[in-house]
Each structure stands twice: as structure tokens, then as C-alpha cells.
Protein backbone atom coordinates (compact mmCIF):
# COMPACT_ATOMS: atom_id res chain seq x y z
CA MET A 1 -11.45 91.54 12.51
CA LYS A 2 -12.58 87.96 13.18
CA LYS A 3 -14.91 87.62 16.14
CA PRO A 4 -13.75 85.25 18.90
CA SER A 5 -15.43 81.88 19.23
CA VAL A 6 -18.33 81.72 21.67
CA PRO A 7 -18.38 78.60 23.88
CA LEU A 8 -21.55 76.59 23.45
CA ALA A 9 -22.11 76.61 27.20
CA ALA A 10 -22.23 80.41 27.15
CA ILE A 11 -25.10 80.52 24.68
CA ALA A 12 -28.35 80.83 26.56
CA PRO A 13 -31.14 78.58 25.24
CA SER A 14 -33.90 80.35 23.39
CA THR A 15 -37.18 80.80 25.16
CA LYS A 16 -39.06 80.96 21.85
CA SER A 17 -40.77 77.90 20.45
CA MET A 18 -39.90 79.07 16.91
CA PRO A 19 -36.65 80.67 15.65
CA ASP A 20 -36.55 84.32 14.61
CA PRO A 21 -37.96 84.28 11.01
CA GLU A 22 -36.03 87.40 10.00
CA LEU A 23 -32.73 85.94 11.19
CA LEU A 24 -33.33 82.59 9.53
CA ASP A 25 -34.21 84.31 6.27
CA ALA A 26 -30.90 86.17 6.43
CA ILE A 27 -29.02 82.92 7.08
CA VAL A 28 -30.74 81.06 4.24
CA ASP A 29 -30.16 83.96 1.85
CA LYS A 30 -26.49 84.14 2.71
CA ALA A 31 -26.03 80.36 2.63
CA THR A 32 -27.79 80.07 -0.74
CA TYR A 33 -25.74 82.90 -2.23
CA GLY A 34 -22.52 81.39 -0.84
CA ALA A 35 -23.39 77.98 -2.29
CA LYS A 36 -24.05 79.44 -5.74
CA SER A 37 -20.95 81.62 -5.71
CA ARG A 38 -18.75 78.59 -4.90
CA ASN A 39 -20.56 76.33 -7.37
CA LEU A 40 -21.73 73.99 -4.61
CA SER A 41 -24.14 71.25 -5.55
CA SER A 42 -27.87 71.57 -5.03
CA GLY A 43 -28.93 70.97 -1.45
CA THR A 44 -25.55 71.94 0.01
CA VAL A 45 -25.63 74.82 2.49
CA ALA A 46 -22.50 76.93 2.98
CA PRO A 47 -21.56 78.22 6.46
CA ILE A 48 -21.76 81.96 7.00
CA SER A 49 -19.81 84.35 9.13
CA PRO A 50 -21.60 86.38 11.81
CA ALA A 51 -20.15 89.44 10.08
CA GLU A 52 -22.33 88.65 7.04
CA LEU A 53 -25.56 88.91 9.08
CA PRO A 54 -27.48 92.14 9.70
CA ALA A 55 -25.64 94.33 12.22
CA ASP A 56 -28.35 94.01 14.88
CA LYS A 57 -28.39 90.22 14.53
CA ALA A 58 -24.67 89.41 14.19
CA VAL A 59 -24.05 88.40 17.82
CA LYS A 60 -26.98 86.00 18.03
CA VAL A 61 -26.85 82.29 17.20
CA PRO A 62 -30.29 81.12 16.07
CA GLU A 63 -31.97 77.89 16.98
CA GLY A 64 -30.96 75.07 14.68
CA CYS A 65 -27.43 76.48 14.31
CA VAL A 66 -24.11 76.34 16.10
CA GLN A 67 -21.17 78.74 16.19
CA VAL A 68 -17.69 77.30 15.58
CA ASP A 69 -14.50 79.29 15.07
CA GLY A 70 -16.49 82.49 14.60
CA GLU A 71 -18.84 81.07 11.95
CA VAL A 72 -22.47 79.99 12.18
CA PHE A 73 -23.27 76.50 10.86
CA PRO A 74 -26.75 74.96 10.45
CA LEU A 75 -27.44 71.72 12.28
CA ASN A 76 -28.65 68.52 10.64
CA LYS A 77 -28.02 69.69 7.08
CA GLU A 78 -25.41 68.68 4.54
CA ILE A 79 -22.78 71.41 4.47
CA ASP A 80 -19.20 71.87 3.28
CA VAL A 81 -16.61 72.57 5.97
CA GLU A 82 -12.87 73.07 6.01
CA PRO A 83 -11.16 69.78 6.98
CA ASP A 84 -8.83 71.77 9.25
CA LEU A 85 -11.78 72.50 11.51
CA ILE A 86 -11.76 68.83 12.58
CA LYS A 87 -9.77 69.05 15.80
CA SER A 88 -10.32 65.58 17.24
CA ILE A 89 -11.85 62.15 16.65
CA PHE A 90 -14.54 60.91 19.01
CA ILE A 91 -13.00 58.48 21.49
CA GLY A 92 -15.94 56.12 21.02
CA ASN A 93 -15.09 55.53 17.36
CA LYS A 94 -12.64 52.64 17.54
CA ARG A 95 -11.63 52.58 13.90
CA ASN A 96 -7.83 52.78 13.75
CA ARG A 97 -6.80 55.50 11.33
CA SER A 98 -3.38 53.91 10.74
CA ARG A 99 -5.02 50.74 9.36
CA LEU A 100 -7.36 52.33 6.83
CA ARG A 101 -7.14 50.69 3.41
CA ASN A 102 -7.31 52.02 -0.16
CA ILE A 103 -7.19 55.67 0.94
CA GLU A 104 -5.43 56.75 -2.26
CA GLU A 105 -8.17 55.10 -4.32
CA LEU A 106 -10.80 56.95 -2.30
CA ALA A 107 -8.86 60.22 -2.68
CA LYS A 108 -8.83 59.87 -6.47
CA SER A 109 -12.59 59.29 -6.45
CA ILE A 110 -13.06 62.41 -4.31
CA ILE A 111 -10.90 64.40 -6.74
CA SER A 112 -13.04 63.32 -9.69
CA VAL A 113 -16.30 64.21 -7.93
CA GLY A 114 -15.04 67.28 -6.06
CA ARG A 115 -15.92 66.09 -2.55
CA ASN A 116 -16.91 63.03 -0.54
CA THR A 117 -20.34 61.89 -1.67
CA GLU A 118 -21.43 60.50 1.71
CA PRO A 119 -21.27 63.11 4.50
CA VAL A 120 -19.34 62.55 7.71
CA LYS A 121 -20.97 63.25 11.08
CA LEU A 122 -19.59 66.01 13.32
CA ARG A 123 -20.39 67.70 16.58
CA ALA A 124 -19.07 71.02 17.86
CA LEU A 125 -16.43 71.07 20.57
CA ALA A 126 -17.59 72.61 23.82
CA ASP A 127 -15.23 75.58 23.49
CA GLY A 128 -16.40 76.37 19.96
CA SER A 129 -12.89 76.06 18.52
CA GLY A 130 -13.70 73.31 16.03
CA PHE A 131 -15.44 70.00 15.43
CA GLU A 132 -15.14 66.45 16.71
CA LEU A 133 -15.44 63.73 14.08
CA ILE A 134 -18.09 61.19 15.13
CA LYS A 135 -18.06 58.95 12.07
CA GLY A 136 -16.40 59.06 8.67
CA ILE A 137 -12.71 58.66 9.59
CA ARG A 138 -11.89 57.09 6.21
CA ARG A 139 -13.74 59.80 4.26
CA HIS A 140 -11.96 62.53 6.21
CA SER A 141 -8.60 60.86 5.46
CA GLY A 142 -9.58 60.61 1.78
CA VAL A 143 -10.41 64.32 1.55
CA SER A 144 -7.15 65.24 3.31
CA MET A 145 -5.17 63.15 0.82
CA ALA A 146 -7.12 64.59 -2.11
CA ARG A 147 -6.15 68.09 -0.97
CA ASP A 148 -2.50 67.05 -0.68
CA LEU A 149 -2.48 65.43 -4.12
CA THR A 150 -4.10 68.34 -5.96
CA GLY A 151 -3.25 71.37 -3.86
CA LYS A 152 -6.91 72.37 -4.20
CA ASP A 153 -9.18 73.62 -1.44
CA ILE A 154 -11.45 70.56 -1.41
CA LYS A 155 -14.10 70.81 1.29
CA LEU A 156 -15.40 68.05 3.53
CA ARG A 157 -19.10 67.34 3.15
CA ALA A 158 -20.57 66.87 6.61
CA ILE A 159 -23.62 66.91 8.83
CA ILE A 160 -23.33 68.64 12.19
CA ALA A 161 -25.48 67.27 14.98
CA GLU A 162 -25.95 67.82 18.69
CA LEU A 163 -25.21 64.36 20.10
CA GLY A 164 -24.43 63.09 23.57
CA ASP A 165 -21.67 60.52 24.05
CA SER A 166 -24.08 57.58 24.06
CA GLU A 167 -25.78 58.59 20.82
CA ALA A 168 -22.44 59.33 19.20
CA ALA A 169 -21.04 55.94 20.25
CA LYS A 170 -24.04 54.12 18.81
CA GLU A 171 -23.84 55.97 15.48
CA ALA A 172 -20.12 55.28 15.14
CA ALA A 173 -20.53 51.61 16.06
CA LEU A 174 -23.44 51.05 13.70
CA GLU A 175 -21.53 52.48 10.74
CA ASN A 176 -18.35 50.57 11.59
CA SER A 177 -20.23 47.28 11.85
CA GLN A 178 -21.13 47.60 8.17
CA ARG A 179 -17.48 47.91 7.07
CA ASN A 180 -15.95 44.81 5.50
CA ASP A 181 -12.41 45.80 6.50
CA LEU A 182 -13.08 46.19 10.22
CA THR A 183 -10.45 44.16 12.10
CA PRO A 184 -11.27 41.83 15.04
CA TRP A 185 -9.42 44.31 17.29
CA GLU A 186 -11.48 47.28 16.13
CA LEU A 187 -14.77 45.38 16.45
CA ALA A 188 -13.91 44.15 19.95
CA ASP A 189 -12.85 47.62 21.10
CA GLN A 190 -16.03 49.12 19.64
CA LEU A 191 -18.32 46.64 21.43
CA LYS A 192 -16.33 47.01 24.65
CA TYR A 193 -16.65 50.80 24.56
CA LEU A 194 -20.42 50.60 24.10
CA LEU A 195 -20.66 48.49 27.26
CA GLU A 196 -18.14 50.34 29.41
CA SER A 197 -19.42 53.81 28.48
CA GLY A 198 -22.99 52.87 29.40
CA ALA A 199 -24.29 53.49 25.89
CA ILE A 200 -25.44 49.85 25.92
CA SER A 201 -26.51 48.05 29.08
CA SER A 202 -26.75 44.39 28.03
CA MET A 203 -25.25 41.83 25.67
CA GLU A 204 -28.56 41.54 23.83
CA GLU A 205 -28.44 45.25 22.97
CA LEU A 206 -25.04 44.72 21.31
CA VAL A 207 -26.39 42.25 18.74
CA PRO A 208 -27.39 44.96 16.18
CA TYR A 209 -23.80 46.24 16.23
CA LEU A 210 -22.30 42.93 15.08
CA PRO A 211 -21.10 42.69 11.47
CA THR A 212 -23.60 41.28 9.01
CA SER A 213 -22.92 37.65 8.10
CA LYS A 214 -24.66 34.50 7.03
CA ALA A 215 -24.93 33.37 10.63
CA LYS A 216 -27.80 34.88 12.57
CA PRO A 217 -26.34 37.28 15.16
CA ASP A 218 -27.10 36.37 18.75
CA ARG A 219 -25.74 36.89 22.25
CA SER A 220 -23.19 34.08 21.94
CA LEU A 221 -21.56 35.88 18.99
CA VAL A 222 -21.28 39.03 21.09
CA TYR A 223 -19.17 37.17 23.67
CA TYR A 224 -17.10 35.68 20.87
CA HIS A 225 -16.33 39.02 19.17
CA LEU A 226 -15.44 40.62 22.52
CA GLU A 227 -12.50 38.22 23.05
CA PRO A 228 -9.70 40.39 21.53
CA GLY A 229 -10.77 43.28 23.77
CA LYS A 230 -10.35 41.09 26.87
CA ILE A 231 -6.62 40.60 26.33
CA PRO A 232 -4.84 42.63 29.05
CA ALA A 233 -3.12 45.79 27.89
CA GLN A 234 0.18 44.50 29.35
CA VAL A 235 0.01 41.57 26.89
CA ARG A 236 -1.59 43.36 23.97
CA ALA A 237 1.28 45.87 23.90
CA TYR A 238 3.55 43.16 22.44
CA ILE A 239 1.12 42.12 19.68
CA ASN A 240 1.35 43.58 16.19
CA GLU A 241 -2.31 44.13 15.43
CA ASP A 242 -1.59 44.55 11.72
CA LEU A 243 -0.62 40.87 11.49
CA GLU A 244 -3.16 38.15 10.77
CA MET A 245 -5.20 37.06 13.76
CA THR A 246 -8.47 35.22 14.30
CA THR A 247 -10.87 35.83 17.13
CA LEU A 248 -10.43 32.17 18.03
CA ASP A 249 -6.71 32.84 18.64
CA ALA A 250 -7.67 35.61 21.06
CA LYS A 251 -10.07 33.28 22.86
CA ARG A 252 -7.32 30.67 23.28
CA LEU A 253 -4.93 33.28 24.67
CA ASN A 254 -7.49 34.53 27.19
CA LYS A 255 -8.20 30.96 28.30
CA LEU A 256 -4.49 30.34 28.93
CA LEU A 257 -4.09 33.64 30.78
CA LYS A 258 -6.71 32.50 33.28
CA THR A 259 -4.45 29.59 34.27
CA ILE A 260 -1.73 31.90 35.62
CA ASP A 261 -3.99 33.62 38.14
CA GLY A 262 -1.74 35.25 40.72
CA ALA A 263 1.37 35.15 38.52
CA GLU A 264 0.35 37.79 35.99
CA SER A 265 2.96 40.35 37.08
CA THR A 266 5.74 37.77 36.70
CA PHE A 267 4.54 36.87 33.21
CA TYR A 268 4.33 40.53 32.19
CA ALA A 269 7.92 41.00 33.39
CA ARG A 270 9.05 38.01 31.29
CA LEU A 271 7.35 39.53 28.25
CA SER A 272 9.22 42.77 28.83
CA GLU A 273 12.55 40.92 29.04
CA ASN A 274 12.13 38.65 26.01
CA CYS A 275 9.70 40.31 23.60
CA LEU A 276 9.45 43.50 21.58
CA LYS A 277 6.39 45.72 21.66
CA ASN A 278 4.05 45.80 18.63
CA THR A 279 5.93 42.90 17.04
CA HIS A 280 4.46 39.46 17.75
CA THR A 281 1.47 37.47 16.56
CA VAL A 282 -1.13 36.23 19.01
CA LYS A 283 0.03 32.68 18.32
CA GLU A 284 3.60 33.59 19.29
CA ILE A 285 2.38 35.02 22.60
CA ILE A 286 0.33 31.85 23.16
CA ASN A 287 3.43 29.70 22.65
CA TYR A 288 5.46 31.90 24.96
CA LEU A 289 2.73 31.65 27.60
CA LYS A 290 2.78 27.87 27.30
CA ASP A 291 6.52 27.96 27.90
CA PHE A 292 5.93 30.14 30.97
CA ILE A 293 3.40 27.64 32.34
CA SER A 294 5.53 24.55 31.60
CA PRO A 295 9.14 25.80 31.20
CA ASP A 296 10.76 22.35 31.16
CA GLU A 297 8.69 21.02 28.27
CA ARG A 298 9.65 23.42 25.47
CA PRO A 299 12.40 25.85 24.43
CA LYS A 300 12.02 29.52 25.31
CA MET A 301 11.04 32.14 22.79
CA LYS A 302 13.69 34.79 22.18
CA THR A 303 13.69 37.97 20.17
CA TRP A 304 16.54 40.03 18.72
CA SER A 305 16.35 43.31 16.89
CA LEU A 306 18.56 45.16 14.44
CA SER A 307 18.51 48.97 14.56
CA ASN A 308 19.62 51.63 12.11
CA GLY A 309 21.80 54.66 12.89
CA GLU A 310 18.77 56.50 14.28
CA GLY A 311 18.07 53.77 16.81
CA LYS A 312 14.91 52.61 15.00
CA ASP A 313 14.29 48.87 14.76
CA ILE A 314 14.38 47.87 11.10
CA ALA A 315 14.31 44.10 11.53
CA THR A 316 13.66 41.45 14.18
CA ILE A 317 14.37 37.76 14.62
CA VAL A 318 11.90 35.70 16.62
CA LEU A 319 12.90 32.24 17.84
CA ASN A 320 9.53 30.87 18.90
CA ALA A 321 8.66 28.44 21.65
CA ARG A 322 8.60 25.46 19.29
CA GLY A 323 12.10 26.04 17.96
CA GLY A 324 11.09 27.71 14.72
CA SER A 325 12.39 31.10 13.67
CA THR A 326 10.93 34.10 11.87
CA ILE A 327 12.64 37.12 10.33
CA LYS A 328 10.52 40.27 10.18
CA LEU A 329 11.56 43.34 8.21
CA SER A 330 10.23 46.84 8.74
CA LYS A 331 8.19 48.41 5.93
CA ASP A 332 10.80 51.19 5.86
CA VAL A 333 13.59 48.87 4.67
CA PRO A 334 14.60 49.75 1.06
CA SER A 335 14.43 46.82 -1.37
CA SER A 336 18.01 47.55 -2.43
CA ILE A 337 19.44 46.39 0.91
CA MET A 338 16.85 43.76 1.77
CA ASP A 339 18.88 40.74 0.60
CA GLU A 340 21.98 41.90 2.44
CA LEU A 341 19.95 42.52 5.59
CA VAL A 342 18.43 39.03 5.48
CA LEU A 343 21.95 37.50 5.25
CA ILE A 344 23.05 39.45 8.33
CA LEU A 345 20.00 38.30 10.28
CA GLU A 346 20.42 34.68 9.22
CA LYS A 347 24.06 34.77 10.35
CA ARG A 348 23.04 36.18 13.72
CA LEU A 349 20.36 33.52 14.05
CA SER A 350 22.79 30.67 13.23
CA GLU A 351 25.28 31.98 15.78
CA SER A 352 22.63 31.93 18.50
CA GLN A 353 21.37 28.42 17.83
CA PRO A 354 24.06 26.40 19.65
CA SER A 355 23.46 28.17 22.95
CA ASP A 356 19.72 27.57 22.69
CA SER A 357 19.85 23.85 21.91
């Protein structure tokens, strides 16, 4: 019968300066045997169950190890773990899983090798029920897809560490800053979290977490890259962050928002009445804000949506503040009906034009 998980907080710290040699020998022997029996690569240590240890040692968790879901795992070593043991993603890692690119390509590479070549970083949850993913969101997604594609029990190569929130935030941010596909939103949220969580106490300390570029990173670039994260949540809710956006656009929006000091709630209400959430570009919101500030100088932006039988929006029409129009189709729209759908939307747009002129 599987032993229940032991919360980390319930494990009393050892009073010895060195771990029990006999217990460590048993762990290494078991881990080495397990690695060989599962054809694991050299240097990979397999986790062991407390039931596999000597009877008089089975209830003890040695120094340098942690117990998760009834198994003992060594700390700070490359090991193979079941992906299902990852129960959550560290809140300080601001990489958006829904925007990860080329996951299928990564999955195929993992299939050919047998596992991810670069380990992810984990820490044990306080209740001992599983792990929290500190860094390596894309690799974890790649392994999960590789398992789905092959039906094989592909393990996740990982390193388990005992990290506080500040250390975890710094590790996640440092790795993310080296990614070429990090969006302005993700970078801004990452820098903002470092500041707000107390992991970093000054703008100067954020400089090492900026993406590498030809320009020499300095404090002024920190302020610049923080701009998307300064956009209020009430405004950001209407922006589709998958659409193209520059940090300069975000800076312009924030500058305009400062001019409506005291009228923010009214503007947010107007957004709710005329815009759709997760739909617009930053430039469209800028133009709508300009219309809000000077309503007599430009036409209003309007948005219509077309829903399917399930009530899900499959297409939208945006008549922007300068009189132009945009038709946006959902990714779920089949190509077979796309032309017909565009004709319907164009007809609806033409019917609305006279009342807006």
C-alpha cells in the first residue's frame, strides 16, 4: 500500500552536520539500479520509493532529499520525473503557456532523443503532493505533447531545488530574458513581478533581466520595457495580446491615459459598452481613447460580433475611430465557410455605415 505524502513542514530538520552514510548508500544503490533497469542515461538519478529502503530507514527522509507523493527525490541532481507530478506553475514565471511557439517541433525532438535535453527546475509543494514548475514551461509542454503523440511514458528531466519565492522569481526571469520569442507583455509582467514581489529592490537591479540586444542595457531601458505592464487591467482586458504591438505603442497609451485623470471609471464603462474583451490592438484602444478625450473631432469606434450556435464569437467587425474598418475571424472558423462569412460581415458593415456618417 502506498504511503501517504508527508508535508515538508512536518519533517524535522536534521541535527547532524552530515547525512546518514548507510541511508545515502541505500538511496544511491537503489537510484543507480533503477536508472540502469530503465535504460536511463549516465548521470541521471531515478527517484525511489520509501518502500524500497531498508525497513528501519523507510520513514526517514535524508538530508539532500525531499519526499513528494510518497517517493524520495534527491535535490540538486538531474532526475527523471513523471510530468503528471507537476501540479502548478510558479506565479512568478510570466511566460504565457498559450503563446508558446513551435511546441510540436520541440516534441518531435524530444521523441527522437527520449527526453528533454535541458532540465526544468522544480520545487516541492508544501503539502508534498507534487511539484511546482519554476522554469521550463516550454520544455514541459513539449514533453506532454511528445507523450500524447507517441503514447509512450516519456519522463521529464528535471532538477529539484529548495528555493524561496525571490530566488525562484530571479531564476525564472533570467531564463526568460534569454528567449527570443518573449513578448513585450511577458517581459513587462516579469520585470513588474520582480519589483512588486520584493525580489528586486531597484531599477538598476533589473538591468541583468533585460533581453540581450545590441544596445547596452541601462536603467532607462528598464522603464521602457515596463510600459506594457503599466496599462490598467480594466483597459488591458480589451486588448488581444497575441496581436502585434510595440512597447512604444504601450507608452503612448499610458501617456494618453494620464490625461483623463479623474474620468477613468467613465472611460472604462465606455470600453465595456463599445468594445469586446481580448479583441483589439493597442492602437485601436489609443484611437478610441482619443475619441473619448475629444468626441467632436472624430467618429466613434464601434464593434460588432457574430456568434455561432454555441454562443461563441467567431468573427468581429471593428469600425475604428478614424473611420476605417477591420474584419477579424476566429482561428476556429473552417476555411470552407470563410468566404461566405466574410460576405455576411461585409453586408452588415455596409448596412451600418449610413447611420455612422
